[in-house]
Amino acid sequence: MSDVLEEITPLSEKDCFHIVDRHKAKFTYPLHQHREYELNFVENAPGVKRIVGDSVEEIGDYDLVLICSENLEHVWDNGRCVSQDIREVTIQFSPELLSGSLMAKNQFSSIVKMFRDADHGISFPLHTVMKVYGVIDGLASESQSFVRFLKFLWLLYVLSVSDYKILSSSSFSHAERNPESRRVKKVKQYINDHYTEQLRLEDLARLVGMTPTSFSRFFRLRTGKTLSDYVLDIRLGFAARMLVDSTKNISEICFECGFNNLSNFNRIFKSRRGVTPKEFRSMFKKNKVIV
């Protein structure tokens, strides 16, 4: 893993969660990771670059992200933001807070799935943020701790049934996606083991005993991506991880991750990540703190 700041959160064993509601002129906290789950809300900071794993996005007036992995690097970088009154509400809670038999109940199934997806970091659309804005806005000032916890549970539920977006790639974050069928797992494992090689549709279909046409349709139905798009995302994820964790030059990384053309690699990386490989590496280097 990257040598990044390991945050020690102020969450105590007697608290269900820790919440901080602050106003500031800029983001100063470096690239970091922590064991606790974190829901982070940012208001009035258009132009800020949010980095979660290998996801790099410029946020608008509102941003809401959930991170449920102790090994997923993340940071909010000032970027092009000129706002002098940024509001940030951070809620941190232990992975053990909602666990055991309670989470096995049907009523919590969507929250369980959301936590699993948030291994890669997830962001929520504006219409969902507006739906829960009132709760986030008043959560820190709620005087009754039990009521605050009930509101927090409602907040998690509403977010869990929304159309959130997964941020970091699995090959960068070293986290698996949701439980899948045996055939999909077999193909994905094969791709992870052979992503540097030429991967042919016919060979992968034969691996699970299907015709190429049937397999192509099956894979897209189960993953939401075409095979070529999935392989491309896996290669880009490994490339992003190498950009962060190694000192290899970009040309070496390009060819070691299965790309056979440097200019094509640069173009695809920027189209999928929003920055060039060189810019991506620089952003992580700027925000990294050696420990």
Foldseek 3Di string as FASTA:
>chain_A
DFQFAEDDDPDDPPAQKDKDKDKFQFFDAFWYFYQWKKKKKKAQQFQKWKDWQLATDGDHRIKIKIAHARQIIIGIHSGPGRGGTMIMMMMTGHPPSDDDPNCVDPLNVLLVLVSLLNPQMKIADPVLCVVLVVLSVCLVVDPDSVVSVVSVVVNSSSRSPGPIGRGADCLRSVHDHDDDDPLLVVLVVVCLVQLLHDDDLCVSCVVSVHHSVVVQVVNCVGPVDGPVVSSVSNLLSNLLNCLRPHPDDSVVSCNSSNHDDSVVQQVVNCVVRVHGSVVSSVSNVVRGDRD
